[in-house]
Amino acid sequence: MAQAVRKRRKEARPAELLEAAFELFVERGFAATRIDDIAARAGVSKGTVYLYFASKQAVFEALVRQAVLPNVERLIGETARPGIPVLEILPRLLRAITSTMAGSSLLQFPRLIIAESQQFPELAQFWRETVIDRMLGVVSGLIERGIAAGEIRPVDPVDAARLMIAPLLMAVIWGTTFVRQDESFDLNVFIDRHLDIYLRGLAAEVRP
């Protein structure tokens, strides 16, 4: 996303305001960004921002709905198809999520939310209800289906879903926060290694 301050004008589309807001949230954090800052970055008046968004939190929620939710729904629709073994669907789904996030601005959302969650717990709650719970519900449902079909050994579906998703969140935080400049970290390779271990632990035992 471009970071130059845009030339001031009277109107801006909501998408332009959201782009400006996201740049500032990543650069400064949610707490330090003001509506005035978003307006200045977008090149409009403060009143123009309020025409579209009632508050800074409303800006954040609109960002998630625009940038994240369409990807979530697309990934679920592409991978969770009936008739395909669950142990094939699960790695497809996690790899698709990883490929969508890798190298994109979507990587910044988890880091931003964790950094601001103590001061603004409502942001974390919105992210959980809108994104994480949606994904966990789909994954736990697939695991229940796999158990019923005898593909997956008896496990707690909710915990198993969390164990599938949690390493991705950890890897995103690691890659955006802790990786040194001289260190190589490939998110896709990490997820492949995670899936190798995870799926072996999930699979039902083959009895002679």
Protein backbone atom coordinates (compact mmCIF):
# COMPACT_ATOMS: atom_id res chain seq x y z
CA MET A 1 0.00 0.00 0.00
CA ALA A 2 1.24 3.47 -0.87
CA GLN A 3 2.30 5.49 2.15
CA ALA A 4 2.49 9.01 0.72
CA VAL A 5 0.00 11.55 2.04
CA ARG A 6 -2.62 12.01 -0.63
CA LYS A 7 -3.53 15.38 -2.07
CA ARG A 8 -6.43 16.88 -0.10
CA ARG A 9 -9.80 16.68 -1.81
CA LYS A 10 -13.42 16.82 -0.75
CA GLU A 11 -14.44 13.21 -1.22
CA ALA A 12 -12.93 9.75 -1.00
CA ARG A 13 -14.37 6.29 -1.48
CA PRO A 14 -14.60 4.13 1.64
CA ALA A 15 -11.97 1.76 0.19
CA GLU A 16 -9.45 4.60 0.04
CA LEU A 17 -10.16 5.54 3.64
CA LEU A 18 -9.70 1.93 4.71
CA GLU A 19 -6.41 1.72 2.83
CA ALA A 20 -5.15 4.83 4.58
CA ALA A 21 -6.33 3.51 7.96
CA PHE A 22 -4.63 0.15 7.50
CA GLU A 23 -1.32 1.80 6.61
CA LEU A 24 -1.50 3.86 9.79
CA PHE A 25 -2.59 0.97 12.01
CA VAL A 26 0.44 -1.02 10.83
CA GLU A 27 2.86 1.90 11.13
CA ARG A 28 1.68 3.41 14.42
CA GLY A 29 -0.70 0.92 15.99
CA PHE A 30 -4.43 1.23 16.55
CA ALA A 31 -4.15 3.27 19.77
CA ALA A 32 -1.84 5.91 18.31
CA THR A 33 -3.87 6.43 15.13
CA ARG A 34 -6.57 9.11 15.20
CA ILE A 35 -9.43 9.74 12.81
CA ASP A 36 -7.67 13.01 11.96
CA ASP A 37 -4.63 10.98 10.87
CA ILE A 38 -6.71 8.75 8.64
CA ALA A 39 -8.32 11.79 7.03
CA ALA A 40 -4.93 13.44 6.45
CA ARG A 41 -3.44 10.28 4.93
CA ALA A 42 -6.44 9.90 2.63
CA GLY A 43 -6.36 13.60 1.72
CA VAL A 44 -9.86 14.40 2.98
CA SER A 45 -11.46 16.20 5.90
CA LYS A 46 -12.17 14.50 9.23
CA GLY A 47 -15.89 14.91 8.55
CA THR A 48 -15.57 12.83 5.39
CA VAL A 49 -14.32 9.85 7.42
CA TYR A 50 -17.29 10.17 9.77
CA LEU A 51 -19.66 10.12 6.79
CA TYR A 52 -18.77 6.45 6.36
CA PHE A 53 -17.54 5.27 9.77
CA ALA A 54 -18.94 6.12 13.19
CA SER A 55 -15.70 5.42 15.05
CA LYS A 56 -12.15 4.15 14.73
CA GLN A 57 -13.30 0.69 15.75
CA ALA A 58 -15.90 0.81 12.96
CA VAL A 59 -13.01 1.50 10.56
CA PHE A 60 -11.15 -1.56 11.86
CA GLU A 61 -14.23 -3.78 11.60
CA ALA A 62 -14.84 -2.61 8.04
CA LEU A 63 -11.21 -3.44 7.21
CA VAL A 64 -11.67 -7.00 8.44
CA ARG A 65 -14.93 -7.41 6.55
CA GLN A 66 -13.40 -6.08 3.33
CA ALA A 67 -9.92 -7.61 3.40
CA VAL A 68 -10.30 -10.81 5.42
CA LEU A 69 -13.83 -12.23 5.38
CA PRO A 70 -14.11 -12.68 1.57
CA ASN A 71 -10.91 -14.74 1.69
CA VAL A 72 -12.23 -16.84 4.59
CA GLU A 73 -15.46 -17.64 2.77
CA ARG A 74 -13.66 -18.35 -0.51
CA LEU A 75 -11.20 -20.75 1.13
CA ILE A 76 -13.95 -22.61 2.95
CA GLY A 77 -15.98 -22.92 -0.22
CA GLU A 78 -13.04 -24.17 -2.28
CA THR A 79 -11.80 -26.84 0.12
CA ALA A 80 -14.68 -28.12 2.27
CA ARG A 81 -16.45 -30.16 -0.40
CA PRO A 82 -18.50 -33.29 0.34
CA GLY A 83 -17.21 -36.65 -0.83
CA ILE A 84 -13.53 -35.82 -0.32
CA PRO A 85 -11.76 -37.57 2.60
CA VAL A 86 -11.37 -35.24 5.55
CA LEU A 87 -7.65 -36.01 5.84
CA GLU A 88 -7.31 -34.57 2.33
CA ILE A 89 -9.51 -31.54 2.99
CA LEU A 90 -7.73 -30.40 6.17
CA PRO A 91 -4.25 -29.95 4.61
CA ARG A 92 -5.76 -28.32 1.53
CA LEU A 93 -7.58 -25.84 3.72
CA LEU A 94 -4.57 -24.94 5.87
CA ARG A 95 -2.23 -24.68 2.88
CA ALA A 96 -4.76 -22.50 1.07
CA ILE A 97 -5.00 -20.18 4.08
CA THR A 98 -1.20 -20.03 4.29
CA SER A 99 -0.78 -19.29 0.58
CA THR A 100 -3.40 -16.54 0.76
CA MET A 101 -1.65 -14.88 3.70
CA ALA A 102 1.98 -15.35 2.64
CA GLY A 103 3.45 -12.16 1.21
CA SER A 104 0.22 -10.18 1.66
CA SER A 105 -0.94 -7.48 4.05
CA LEU A 106 -3.17 -10.06 5.74
CA LEU A 107 -0.11 -11.15 7.73
CA GLN A 108 -0.29 -7.88 9.67
CA PHE A 109 -3.74 -8.45 11.18
CA PRO A 110 -2.85 -11.05 13.85
CA ARG A 111 0.21 -9.06 14.95
CA LEU A 112 -1.84 -5.86 15.14
CA ILE A 113 -4.62 -7.48 17.14
CA ILE A 114 -2.29 -9.12 19.65
CA ALA A 115 -0.41 -5.86 20.15
CA GLU A 116 -3.63 -3.92 20.84
CA SER A 117 -5.75 -6.58 22.56
CA GLN A 118 -4.97 -5.58 26.15
CA GLN A 119 -5.95 -1.96 25.64
CA PHE A 120 -8.72 -2.71 23.13
CA PRO A 121 -10.14 -6.16 23.96
CA GLU A 122 -13.12 -5.44 21.73
CA LEU A 123 -10.83 -5.70 18.68
CA ALA A 124 -9.67 -9.17 19.69
CA GLN A 125 -13.23 -10.22 20.45
CA PHE A 126 -14.44 -9.00 17.05
CA TRP A 127 -11.57 -10.84 15.30
CA ARG A 128 -12.32 -14.02 17.22
CA GLU A 129 -16.05 -13.99 16.54
CA THR A 130 -15.70 -12.94 12.90
CA VAL A 131 -12.67 -14.91 11.72
CA ILE A 132 -11.28 -17.43 14.22
CA ASP A 133 -14.57 -18.91 15.43
CA ARG A 134 -15.74 -19.23 11.83
CA MET A 135 -12.62 -21.18 10.87
CA LEU A 136 -12.59 -23.30 14.04
CA GLY A 137 -16.25 -24.18 13.51
CA VAL A 138 -15.54 -25.41 9.98
CA VAL A 139 -12.44 -27.39 11.00
CA SER A 140 -14.05 -28.98 14.07
CA GLY A 141 -17.05 -29.95 11.92
CA LEU A 142 -14.74 -31.63 9.42
CA ILE A 143 -12.96 -33.49 12.20
CA GLU A 144 -16.30 -34.73 13.57
CA ARG A 145 -17.11 -35.97 10.07
CA GLY A 146 -13.75 -37.72 9.85
CA ILE A 147 -14.29 -39.43 13.20
CA ALA A 148 -17.73 -40.65 12.14
CA ALA A 149 -16.24 -42.01 8.89
CA GLY A 150 -13.45 -43.83 10.73
CA GLU A 151 -10.72 -41.71 9.13
CA ILE A 152 -9.79 -39.92 12.34
CA ARG A 153 -9.29 -41.48 15.75
CA PRO A 154 -11.60 -40.32 18.56
CA VAL A 155 -10.42 -36.87 19.67
CA ASP A 156 -12.00 -33.68 20.96
CA PRO A 157 -12.94 -31.93 17.70
CA VAL A 158 -12.66 -28.41 19.12
CA ASP A 159 -9.22 -28.97 20.64
CA ALA A 160 -8.05 -30.73 17.48
CA ALA A 161 -9.22 -27.75 15.40
CA ARG A 162 -7.32 -25.35 17.66
CA LEU A 163 -4.19 -27.52 17.38
CA MET A 164 -4.42 -27.28 13.59
CA ILE A 165 -4.80 -23.50 13.44
CA ALA A 166 -2.60 -22.39 16.36
CA PRO A 167 0.79 -23.10 14.70
CA LEU A 168 -0.23 -20.91 11.75
CA LEU A 169 -0.93 -17.98 14.08
CA MET A 170 2.37 -18.60 15.87
CA ALA A 171 4.23 -18.74 12.57
CA VAL A 172 2.66 -15.47 11.39
CA ILE A 173 3.73 -13.74 14.62
CA TRP A 174 7.19 -15.25 14.35
CA GLY A 175 7.60 -14.23 10.72
CA THR A 176 6.39 -10.64 11.22
CA THR A 177 8.04 -9.97 14.59
CA PHE A 178 10.95 -12.21 15.52
CA VAL A 179 12.73 -13.24 12.32
CA ARG A 180 16.19 -11.68 12.02
CA GLN A 181 17.30 -10.08 8.76
CA ASP A 182 19.91 -12.80 8.25
CA GLU A 183 17.42 -15.60 8.98
CA SER A 184 15.33 -17.47 6.44
CA PHE A 185 11.75 -18.33 7.37
CA ASP A 186 9.39 -19.85 4.82
CA LEU A 187 5.80 -19.92 6.08
CA ASN A 188 4.72 -22.55 3.55
CA VAL A 189 7.56 -24.90 4.48
CA PHE A 190 6.76 -24.49 8.18
CA ILE A 191 3.10 -25.36 7.59
CA ASP A 192 4.03 -28.43 5.52
CA ARG A 193 6.12 -29.71 8.43
CA HIS A 194 3.35 -28.96 10.89
CA LEU A 195 0.82 -30.85 8.77
CA ASP A 196 3.10 -33.87 8.48
CA ILE A 197 3.16 -34.21 12.27
CA TYR A 198 -0.45 -33.17 12.87
CA LEU A 199 -2.08 -35.48 10.33
CA ARG A 200 -0.09 -38.49 11.52
CA GLY A 201 -1.34 -37.85 15.04
CA LEU A 202 -4.93 -37.40 13.87
CA ALA A 203 -5.25 -40.44 11.62
CA ALA A 204 -7.11 -43.48 12.88
CA GLU A 205 -4.99 -46.53 13.62
CA VAL A 206 -4.93 -49.11 10.85
CA ARG A 207 -5.84 -52.47 12.38
CA PRO A 208 -4.79 -55.77 10.71
